[in-house]
C-alpha atoms as a PDB file:
ATOM      1  CA  MET A   1      -0.050  -0.069   0.193  1.00  0.00           C
ATOM      2  CA  GLN A   2       1.429   3.448  -0.965  1.00  0.00           C
ATOM      3  CA  GLN A   3       2.603   5.230   2.202  1.00  0.00           C
ATOM      4  CA  PRO A   4       1.771   9.249   2.751  1.00  0.00           C
ATOM      5  CA  ASN A   5       4.377  11.461   1.320  1.00  0.00           C
ATOM      6  CA  ALA A   6       5.286  13.759   4.033  1.00  0.00           C
ATOM      7  CA  ASP A   7       7.333  15.910   2.061  1.00  0.00           C
ATOM      8  CA  GLY A   8       4.678  16.359  -0.545  1.00  0.00           C
ATOM      9  CA  ALA A   9       6.670  14.439  -3.235  1.00  0.00           C
ATOM     10  CA  LEU A  10       4.714  13.320  -6.345  1.00  0.00           C
ATOM     11  CA  PRO A  11       4.363   9.612  -6.595  1.00  0.00           C
ATOM     12  CA  ALA A  12       4.104   7.588  -9.697  1.00  0.00           C
ATOM     13  CA  PRO A  13       0.274   7.299 -10.780  1.00  0.00           C
ATOM     14  CA  ARG A  14      -1.436   3.968 -10.022  1.00  0.00           C
ATOM     15  CA  THR A  15      -4.895   3.713 -11.816  1.00  0.00           C
ATOM     16  CA  PRO A  16      -6.492   0.784 -13.595  1.00  0.00           C
ATOM     17  CA  GLN A  17      -6.055   0.751 -17.149  1.00  0.00           C
ATOM     18  CA  ALA A  18      -9.202   1.621 -19.602  1.00  0.00           C
ATOM     19  CA  SER A  19      -8.221   1.028 -23.123  1.00  0.00           C
ATOM     20  CA  SER A  20     -11.974   1.155 -24.351  1.00  0.00           C
ATOM     21  CA  LEU A  21     -12.542   4.831 -23.016  1.00  0.00           C
ATOM     22  CA  GLN A  22     -11.425   8.075 -24.860  1.00  0.00           C
ATOM     23  CA  THR A  23     -10.660  11.195 -22.929  1.00  0.00           C
ATOM     24  CA  VAL A  24     -13.416  13.791 -23.438  1.00  0.00           C
ATOM     25  CA  LEU A  25     -12.026  16.283 -20.866  1.00  0.00           C
ATOM     26  CA  THR A  26      -8.425  17.123 -19.828  1.00  0.00           C
ATOM     27  CA  ALA A  27      -8.599  19.752 -17.213  1.00  0.00           C
ATOM     28  CA  ASP A  28      -7.139  23.194 -17.973  1.00  0.00           C
ATOM     29  CA  PHE A  29      -7.744  25.114 -15.117  1.00  0.00           C
ATOM     30  CA  THR A  30      -6.342  28.351 -16.939  1.00  0.00           C
ATOM     31  CA  SER A  31      -8.905  28.104 -19.504  1.00  0.00           C
ATOM     32  CA  ALA A  32     -11.851  30.666 -19.069  1.00  0.00           C
ATOM     33  CA  GLY A  33     -13.818  28.557 -21.694  1.00  0.00           C
ATOM     34  CA  GLN A  34     -13.608  25.250 -19.728  1.00  0.00           C
ATOM     35  CA  TRP A  35     -13.897  26.724 -16.206  1.00  0.00           C
ATOM     36  CA  VAL A  36     -15.790  29.801 -14.640  1.00  0.00           C
ATOM     37  CA  ALA A  37     -14.022  30.850 -11.250  1.00  0.00           C
ATOM     38  CA  GLY A  38     -15.576  32.186  -8.398  1.00  0.00           C
ATOM     39  CA  ARG A  39     -19.345  31.399  -8.721  1.00  0.00           C
ATOM     40  CA  SER A  40     -21.262  28.336  -8.324  1.00  0.00           C
ATOM     41  CA  TRP A  41     -25.223  27.914  -8.273  1.00  0.00           C
ATOM     42  CA  ALA A  42     -24.459  25.245  -5.825  1.00  0.00           C
ATOM     43  CA  TYR A  43     -24.146  28.360  -3.483  1.00  0.00           C
ATOM     44  CA  PRO A  44     -27.288  30.186  -2.703  1.00  0.00           C
ATOM     45  CA  GLY A  45     -27.548  33.060  -5.611  1.00  0.00           C
ATOM     46  CA  GLY A  46     -24.336  31.772  -7.296  1.00  0.00           C
ATOM     47  CA  GLY A  47     -22.522  32.864  -4.285  1.00  0.00           C
ATOM     48  CA  PRO A  48     -20.240  34.068  -2.904  1.00  0.00           C
ATOM     49  CA  VAL A  49     -21.209  32.879   0.676  1.00  0.00           C
ATOM     50  CA  ASN A  50     -22.962  29.428   1.890  1.00  0.00           C
ATOM     51  CA  PRO A  51     -23.072  29.676   5.592  1.00  0.00           C
ATOM     52  CA  ASP A  52     -26.051  27.434   5.886  1.00  0.00           C
ATOM     53  CA  ASP A  53     -23.619  24.619   4.414  1.00  0.00           C
ATOM     54  CA  ASP A  54     -21.274  25.163   7.500  1.00  0.00           C
ATOM     55  CA  LYS A  55     -18.819  26.994   5.021  1.00  0.00           C
ATOM     56  CA  LEU A  56     -17.005  30.028   5.955  1.00  0.00           C
ATOM     57  CA  ASP A  57     -16.170  30.787   2.115  1.00  0.00           C
ATOM     58  CA  TYR A  58     -16.338  33.991   0.435  1.00  0.00           C
ATOM     59  CA  LEU A  59     -15.772  33.017  -3.287  1.00  0.00           C
ATOM     60  CA  VAL A  60     -13.560  34.985  -5.479  1.00  0.00           C
ATOM     61  CA  SER A  61     -12.588  35.045  -9.158  1.00  0.00           C
ATOM     62  CA  ASP A  62      -8.910  35.886  -8.451  1.00  0.00           C
ATOM     63  CA  PRO A  63      -6.826  33.469 -10.737  1.00  0.00           C
ATOM     64  CA  ALA A  64      -4.563  33.123  -7.635  1.00  0.00           C
ATOM     65  CA  TYR A  65      -6.976  31.221  -5.878  1.00  0.00           C
ATOM     66  CA  ALA A  66      -7.668  28.464  -8.426  1.00  0.00           C
ATOM     67  CA  ARG A  67      -6.191  28.714 -11.885  1.00  0.00           C
ATOM     68  CA  SER A  68      -2.861  27.233 -11.420  1.00  0.00           C
ATOM     69  CA  GLY A  69      -4.475  23.917  -9.984  1.00  0.00           C
ATOM     70  CA  THR A  70      -3.434  25.049  -6.397  1.00  0.00           C
ATOM     71  CA  PHE A  71      -6.844  26.052  -4.736  1.00  0.00           C
ATOM     72  CA  LYS A  72      -6.188  28.291  -2.005  1.00  0.00           C
ATOM     73  CA  ALA A  73      -8.135  29.871   1.128  1.00  0.00           C
ATOM     74  CA  VAL A  74      -6.986  32.885   2.641  1.00  0.00           C
ATOM     75  CA  ARG A  75      -8.361  34.635   5.894  1.00  0.00           C
ATOM     76  CA  ARG A  76     -10.324  37.735   5.516  1.00  0.00           C
ATOM     77  CA  ARG A  77     -10.740  40.476   8.429  1.00  0.00           C
ATOM     78  CA  ASP A  78     -14.249  39.880   8.646  1.00  0.00           C
ATOM     79  CA  GLY A  79     -14.142  36.252   9.680  1.00  0.00           C
ATOM     80  CA  ARG A  80     -14.859  34.721   6.360  1.00  0.00           C
ATOM     81  CA  TRP A  81     -12.061  33.095   3.970  1.00  0.00           C
ATOM     82  CA  ASN A  82     -11.521  34.225   0.475  1.00  0.00           C
ATOM     83  CA  THR A  83     -11.769  30.771  -1.463  1.00  0.00           C
ATOM     84  CA  GLY A  84     -10.878  29.342  -4.865  1.00  0.00           C
ATOM     85  CA  LEU A  85     -13.868  27.374  -6.780  1.00  0.00           C
ATOM     86  CA  LEU A  86     -13.838  26.408 -10.506  1.00  0.00           C
ATOM     87  CA  THR A  87     -16.875  25.118 -12.125  1.00  0.00           C
ATOM     88  CA  THR A  88     -17.740  24.197 -15.902  1.00  0.00           C
ATOM     89  CA  GLU A  89     -21.182  25.273 -15.172  1.00  0.00           C
ATOM     90  CA  GLY A  90     -21.776  28.760 -17.012  1.00  0.00           C
ATOM     91  CA  SER A  91     -18.629  28.278 -19.042  1.00  0.00           C
ATOM     92  CA  ALA A  92     -18.678  28.387 -22.893  1.00  0.00           C
ATOM     93  CA  GLU A  93     -18.052  24.630 -23.191  1.00  0.00           C
ATOM     94  CA  ALA A  94     -20.249  23.828 -20.475  1.00  0.00           C
ATOM     95  CA  PHE A  95     -18.895  20.381 -19.913  1.00  0.00           C
ATOM     96  CA  MET A  96     -21.044  17.799 -17.957  1.00  0.00           C
ATOM     97  CA  VAL A  97     -20.064  14.392 -16.716  1.00  0.00           C
ATOM     98  CA  ARG A  98     -22.614  11.756 -17.899  1.00  0.00           C
ATOM     99  CA  THR A  99     -23.820   8.404 -16.918  1.00  0.00           C
ATOM    100  CA  GLY A 100     -20.890   5.677 -17.841  1.00  0.00           C
ATOM    101  CA  ASP A 101     -18.119   8.318 -17.448  1.00  0.00           C
ATOM    102  CA  VAL A 102     -14.976   7.819 -15.459  1.00  0.00           C
ATOM    103  CA  LEU A 103     -13.014  10.829 -13.682  1.00  0.00           C
ATOM    104  CA  GLU A 104      -9.548  10.472 -12.827  1.00  0.00           C
ATOM    105  CA  ALA A 105      -7.865  12.862 -10.625  1.00  0.00           C
ATOM    106  CA  ARG A 106      -4.644  13.235  -8.670  1.00  0.00           C
ATOM    107  CA  VAL A 107      -4.765  15.466  -5.651  1.00  0.00           C
ATOM    108  CA  ARG A 108      -2.390  16.670  -2.935  1.00  0.00           C
ATOM    109  CA  LEU A 109      -4.675  16.824   0.486  1.00  0.00           C
ATOM    110  CA  PRO A 110      -4.401  20.002   2.487  1.00  0.00           C
ATOM    111  CA  ARG A 111      -2.402  19.926   6.111  1.00  0.00           C
ATOM    112  CA  GLU A 112      -4.500  22.730   7.753  1.00  0.00           C
ATOM    113  CA  VAL A 113      -7.553  21.960  10.043  1.00  0.00           C
ATOM    114  CA  GLY A 114     -10.474  23.314   8.812  1.00  0.00           C
ATOM    115  CA  ALA A 115      -9.729  22.906   5.042  1.00  0.00           C
ATOM    116  CA  TRP A 116     -12.346  21.037   3.107  1.00  0.00           C
ATOM    117  CA  PRO A 117     -11.349  20.171  -0.349  1.00  0.00           C
ATOM    118  CA  ALA A 118     -13.856  18.439  -2.971  1.00  0.00           C
ATOM    119  CA  ILE A 119     -14.279  17.296  -6.499  1.00  0.00           C
ATOM    120  CA  TRP A 120     -18.093  17.038  -7.155  1.00  0.00           C
ATOM    121  CA  THR A 121     -20.983  17.379  -9.627  1.00  0.00           C
ATOM    122  CA  TRP A 122     -23.797  19.502  -9.335  1.00  0.00           C
ATOM    123  CA  ARG A 123     -26.932  20.888 -11.684  1.00  0.00           C
ATOM    124  CA  ASP A 124     -30.342  22.291 -11.302  1.00  0.00           C
ATOM    125  CA  GLY A 125     -30.020  22.101  -7.341  1.00  0.00           C
ATOM    126  CA  ASP A 126     -29.210  18.579  -7.180  1.00  0.00           C
ATOM    127  CA  GLN A 127     -27.299  15.874  -9.138  1.00  0.00           C
ATOM    128  CA  GLU A 128     -24.534  15.748  -6.590  1.00  0.00           C
ATOM    129  CA  ILE A 129     -21.909  13.015  -6.749  1.00  0.00           C
ATOM    130  CA  ASP A 130     -18.746  13.523  -4.467  1.00  0.00           C
ATOM    131  CA  VAL A 131     -15.677  12.210  -6.134  1.00  0.00           C
ATOM    132  CA  PHE A 132     -13.914  13.011  -2.671  1.00  0.00           C
ATOM    133  CA  GLU A 133     -14.242  15.399   0.424  1.00  0.00           C
ATOM    134  CA  TYR A 134     -11.523  15.392   2.966  1.00  0.00           C
ATOM    135  CA  HIS A 135     -10.900  16.839   6.342  1.00  0.00           C
ATOM    136  CA  PRO A 136      -7.544  16.986   7.997  1.00  0.00           C
ATOM    137  CA  ASP A 137      -9.155  16.693  11.406  1.00  0.00           C
ATOM    138  CA  HIS A 138      -9.707  13.058  10.373  1.00  0.00           C
ATOM    139  CA  PRO A 139      -6.443  12.559   8.767  1.00  0.00           C
ATOM    140  CA  ASP A 140      -6.810   9.082   7.256  1.00  0.00           C
ATOM    141  CA  LEU A 141     -10.341   9.417   6.089  1.00  0.00           C
ATOM    142  CA  LEU A 142     -11.702  10.107   2.600  1.00  0.00           C
ATOM    143  CA  GLU A 143     -15.682  10.675   2.098  1.00  0.00           C
ATOM    144  CA  PHE A 144     -17.434   9.683  -0.897  1.00  0.00           C
ATOM    145  CA  GLY A 145     -21.116  10.279  -1.641  1.00  0.00           C
ATOM    146  CA  ASN A 146     -23.968   9.758  -3.942  1.00  0.00           C
ATOM    147  CA  HIS A 147     -26.689  12.380  -3.114  1.00  0.00           C
ATOM    148  CA  VAL A 148     -28.520  11.231  -6.344  1.00  0.00           C
ATOM    149  CA  ARG A 149     -29.441   7.835  -4.552  1.00  0.00           C
ATOM    150  CA  ALA A 150     -28.757   8.900  -0.896  1.00  0.00           C
ATOM    151  CA  THR A 151     -25.504   6.690  -0.118  1.00  0.00           C
ATOM    152  CA  GLY A 152     -21.935   7.370   0.749  1.00  0.00           C
ATOM    153  CA  PHE A 153     -19.031   5.765   2.442  1.00  0.00           C
ATOM    154  CA  TYR A 154     -15.973   6.657   4.615  1.00  0.00           C
ATOM    155  CA  HIS A 155     -12.655   5.248   3.512  1.00  0.00           C
ATOM    156  CA  ARG A 156      -9.789   4.957   5.881  1.00  0.00           C
ATOM    157  CA  ASP A 157      -6.400   4.041   4.541  1.00  0.00           C
ATOM    158  CA  GLU A 158      -2.747   4.788   6.003  1.00  0.00           C
ATOM    159  CA  ALA A 159      -1.822   6.288   2.481  1.00  0.00           C
ATOM    160  CA  ILE A 160      -4.200   9.172   3.371  1.00  0.00           C
ATOM    161  CA  ALA A 161      -2.695  11.798   5.371  1.00  0.00           C
ATOM    162  CA  PRO A 162      -2.202  15.632   5.509  1.00  0.00           C
ATOM    163  CA  GLY A 163       0.059  16.435   2.554  1.00  0.00           C
ATOM    164  CA  ALA A 164      -0.116  13.205   0.770  1.00  0.00           C
ATOM    165  CA  TRP A 165      -0.772  12.904  -2.894  1.00  0.00           C
ATOM    166  CA  VAL A 166      -3.528  10.428  -3.716  1.00  0.00           C
ATOM    167  CA  ASP A 167      -4.911   8.951  -6.969  1.00  0.00           C
ATOM    168  CA  LEU A 168      -8.728   9.062  -7.285  1.00  0.00           C
ATOM    169  CA  ARG A 169     -11.015   7.474 -10.021  1.00  0.00           C
ATOM    170  CA  THR A 170     -14.818   7.324  -9.924  1.00  0.00           C
ATOM    171  CA  GLU A 171     -16.949   5.334 -12.308  1.00  0.00           C
ATOM    172  CA  PHE A 172     -20.242   7.085 -12.644  1.00  0.00           C
ATOM    173  CA  GLY A 173     -22.322   3.752 -13.496  1.00  0.00           C
ATOM    174  CA  SER A 174     -26.085   3.957 -14.006  1.00  0.00           C
ATOM    175  CA  LYS A 175     -26.607   0.918 -11.467  1.00  0.00           C
ATOM    176  CA  SER A 176     -23.431   1.601  -9.482  1.00  0.00           C
ATOM    177  CA  VAL A 177     -21.044   4.337  -8.799  1.00  0.00           C
ATOM    178  CA  VAL A 178     -17.529   2.950  -7.957  1.00  0.00           C
ATOM    179  CA  TRP A 179     -14.667   4.758  -6.387  1.00  0.00           C
ATOM    180  CA  TRP A 180     -11.068   3.945  -6.433  1.00  0.00           C
ATOM    181  CA  VAL A 181      -7.962   5.118  -4.455  1.00  0.00           C
ATOM    182  CA  ASN A 182      -4.439   4.412  -5.568  1.00  0.00           C
ATOM    183  CA  GLY A 183      -5.446   1.918  -7.870  1.00  0.00           C
ATOM    184  CA  SER A 184      -7.708  -0.035  -5.607  1.00  0.00           C
ATOM    185  CA  GLN A 185     -11.410  -0.236  -5.612  1.00  0.00           C
ATOM    186  CA  VAL A 186     -12.594   0.743  -2.343  1.00  0.00           C
ATOM    187  CA  PHE A 187     -16.567   1.326  -2.588  1.00  0.00           C
ATOM    188  CA  ALA A 188     -19.335   0.213  -5.248  1.00  0.00           C
ATOM    189  CA  ASP A 189     -22.683   1.830  -3.948  1.00  0.00           C
ATOM    190  CA  ARG A 190     -24.803  -0.385  -6.141  1.00  0.00           C
ATOM    191  CA  ARG A 191     -27.254   2.238  -6.741  1.00  0.00           C
ATOM    192  CA  GLY A 192     -25.637   4.362  -9.409  1.00  0.00           C
ATOM    193  CA  VAL A 193     -27.033   7.510 -10.846  1.00  0.00           C
ATOM    194  CA  GLY A 194     -29.539   6.051 -13.544  1.00  0.00           C
ATOM    195  CA  ARG A 195     -29.302   6.411 -17.394  1.00  0.00           C
ATOM    196  CA  GLY A 196     -30.171   9.984 -18.218  1.00  0.00           C
ATOM    197  CA  TRP A 197     -27.872  11.552 -15.451  1.00  0.00           C
ATOM    198  CA  HIS A 198     -25.697  14.567 -16.299  1.00  0.00           C
ATOM    199  CA  ALA A 199     -24.010  17.200 -14.230  1.00  0.00           C
ATOM    200  CA  TYR A 200     -21.394  19.968 -14.143  1.00  0.00           C
ATOM    201  CA  LEU A 201     -18.011  19.444 -12.647  1.00  0.00           C
ATOM    202  CA  ILE A 202     -16.692  21.651  -9.292  1.00  0.00           C
ATOM    203  CA  VAL A 203     -13.286  21.749  -7.912  1.00  0.00           C
ATOM    204  CA  ASN A 204     -13.163  23.821  -4.823  1.00  0.00           C
ATOM    205  CA  LEU A 205     -11.467  24.283  -1.473  1.00  0.00           C
ATOM    206  CA  SER A 206     -14.022  25.435   1.477  1.00  0.00           C
ATOM    207  CA  VAL A 207     -13.293  26.400   5.070  1.00  0.00           C
ATOM    208  CA  CYS A 208     -15.343  24.601   7.755  1.00  0.00           C
ATOM    209  CA  ALA A 209     -17.395  26.852  10.115  1.00  0.00           C
ATOM    210  CA  GLY A 210     -17.150  24.358  13.006  1.00  0.00           C
ATOM    211  CA  ARG A 211     -20.597  22.703  13.063  1.00  0.00           C
ATOM    212  CA  TYR A 212     -19.447  19.327  11.878  1.00  0.00           C
ATOM    213  CA  HIS A 213     -15.780  19.647  11.876  1.00  0.00           C
ATOM    214  CA  PRO A 214     -13.433  22.346  13.729  1.00  0.00           C
ATOM    215  CA  PRO A 215     -12.831  25.613  11.885  1.00  0.00           C
ATOM    216  CA  PRO A 216      -9.079  26.718  11.393  1.00  0.00           C
ATOM    217  CA  ALA A 217      -6.846  27.518  14.293  1.00  0.00           C
ATOM    218  CA  ALA A 218      -6.794  31.213  15.167  1.00  0.00           C
ATOM    219  CA  THR A 219      -3.062  31.154  14.057  1.00  0.00           C
ATOM    220  CA  THR A 220      -3.699  29.936  10.470  1.00  0.00           C
ATOM    221  CA  THR A 221      -4.213  32.359   7.750  1.00  0.00           C
ATOM    222  CA  GLU A 222      -3.773  30.581   4.577  1.00  0.00           C
ATOM    223  CA  MET A 223      -4.690  26.879   3.155  1.00  0.00           C
ATOM    224  CA  SER A 224      -4.329  25.111  -0.077  1.00  0.00           C
ATOM    225  CA  PHE A 225      -4.809  21.738  -2.043  1.00  0.00           C
ATOM    226  CA  GLU A 226      -3.612  20.881  -5.240  1.00  0.00           C
ATOM    227  CA  VAL A 227      -5.185  19.036  -8.219  1.00  0.00           C
ATOM    228  CA  SER A 228      -2.238  18.251 -10.604  1.00  0.00           C
ATOM    229  CA  ARG A 229      -4.531  16.015 -13.129  1.00  0.00           C
ATOM    230  CA  LEU A 230      -8.206  15.694 -13.670  1.00  0.00           C
ATOM    231  CA  VAL A 231      -9.414  13.854 -16.572  1.00  0.00           C
ATOM    232  CA  VAL A 232     -12.844  12.231 -17.774  1.00  0.00           C
ATOM    233  CA  GLN A 233     -13.071   9.423 -20.053  1.00  0.00           C
ATOM    234  CA  ARG A 234     -16.003   8.049 -22.001  1.00  0.00           C
ATOM    235  CA  ALA A 235     -16.933   4.711 -23.805  1.00  0.00           C
ATOM    236  CA  ALA A 236     -16.568   5.295 -27.560  1.00  0.00           C
ATOM    237  CA  ALA A 237     -20.110   3.794 -27.880  1.00  0.00           C
ATOM    238  CA  HIS A 238     -21.579   6.289 -25.447  1.00  0.00           C
ATOM    239  CA  PRO A 239     -25.012   7.472 -26.613  1.00  0.00           C
ATOM    240  CA  GLU A 240     -24.937  11.266 -27.247  1.00  0.00           C
ATOM    241  CA  LEU A 241     -27.145  13.289 -24.981  1.00  0.00           C
ATOM    242  CA  PRO A 242     -28.298  16.461 -26.095  1.00  0.00           C
ATOM    243  CA  GLU A 243     -26.278  19.348 -24.379  1.00  0.00           C
ATOM    244  CA  PRO A 244     -28.753  21.267 -21.988  1.00  0.00           C
ATOM    245  CA  ALA A 245     -28.818  25.017 -22.374  1.00  0.00           C
ATOM    246  CA  ALA A 246     -26.691  26.574 -19.799  1.00  0.00           C
ATOM    247  CA  THR A 247     -28.825  28.332 -16.988  1.00  0.00           C
ATOM    248  CA  ALA A 248     -29.495  31.905 -18.268  1.00  0.00           C
ATOM    249  CA  THR A 249     -28.496  33.591 -14.834  1.00  0.00           C
ATOM    250  CA  ALA A 250     -25.506  31.418 -14.710  1.00  0.00           C
ATOM    251  CA  GLY A 251     -24.494  32.552 -18.290  1.00  0.00           C
ATOM    252  CA  ASP A 252     -25.475  36.274 -17.573  1.00  0.00           C
ATOM    253  CA  ALA A 253     -23.898  36.861 -14.217  1.00  0.00           C
ATOM    254  CA  ALA A 254     -20.459  38.489 -13.736  1.00  0.00           C
ATOM    255  CA  GLU A 255     -17.715  36.578 -11.907  1.00  0.00           C
ATOM    256  CA  ALA A 256     -17.487  37.802  -8.311  1.00  0.00           C
ATOM    257  CA  GLU A 257     -14.852  40.496  -7.980  1.00  0.00           C
ATOM    258  CA  PRO A 258     -11.905  39.360  -5.304  1.00  0.00           C
ATOM    259  CA  ASP A 259     -12.069  41.213  -2.179  1.00  0.00           C
ATOM    260  CA  PRO A 260      -8.834  39.937  -0.656  1.00  0.00           C
ATOM    261  CA  SER A 261      -8.870  42.425   2.251  1.00  0.00           C
ATOM    262  CA  GLY A 262     -12.244  41.456   3.592  1.00  0.00           C
END
């Protein structure tokens, strides 16, 4: 089993081979056509805050918070945190994950208590599948969730640790969503997403407000996690679904202006 990398060194990837799949998305976080920064309709009104979800986030569009693939959170003077979020919802390409797709990602987990990184999906107030969530106060645990069919799983592993690099794979099956960690299958929910499911991608770093996990220490002023690779693959014979039109309000809304000072 792969050991945590205390020094943050990047390990060789270990993921199952999938020769029958073709890549339909290779994440380029610098691309404004592929990703929108600093707003999401998973947040009330598109953001910038979401306190009802136990988050101290204040979403900002400043590229320094997400566009490099390092997702940052920086403490503000008002008690909130400027946070980085990218989503395909509202972007020119409007990419959506579909039933049968496979997502693979390589992430470096944050070290700071209060950090809440995630890769997940969202559309029209639902359709959420959590590729992963992580909280450093439970240092060896990853959280997986299928909110479409109300199931989830907590995965404990000695390879999971603050600062560790982790290879993730999620298969969005119609009858079962399957999660892999560092090349090993760890959970199949046997519920799936159904045949017509499709949803946008979100990658972000939230900050816990303290209801379910501790907030950051008073001495913590900045935190981050990194996504060095994110791809989505699709079977060549996958039936094409019509591309739903982007939500008008999402397409028309301006990106939230950064307010680093708080």
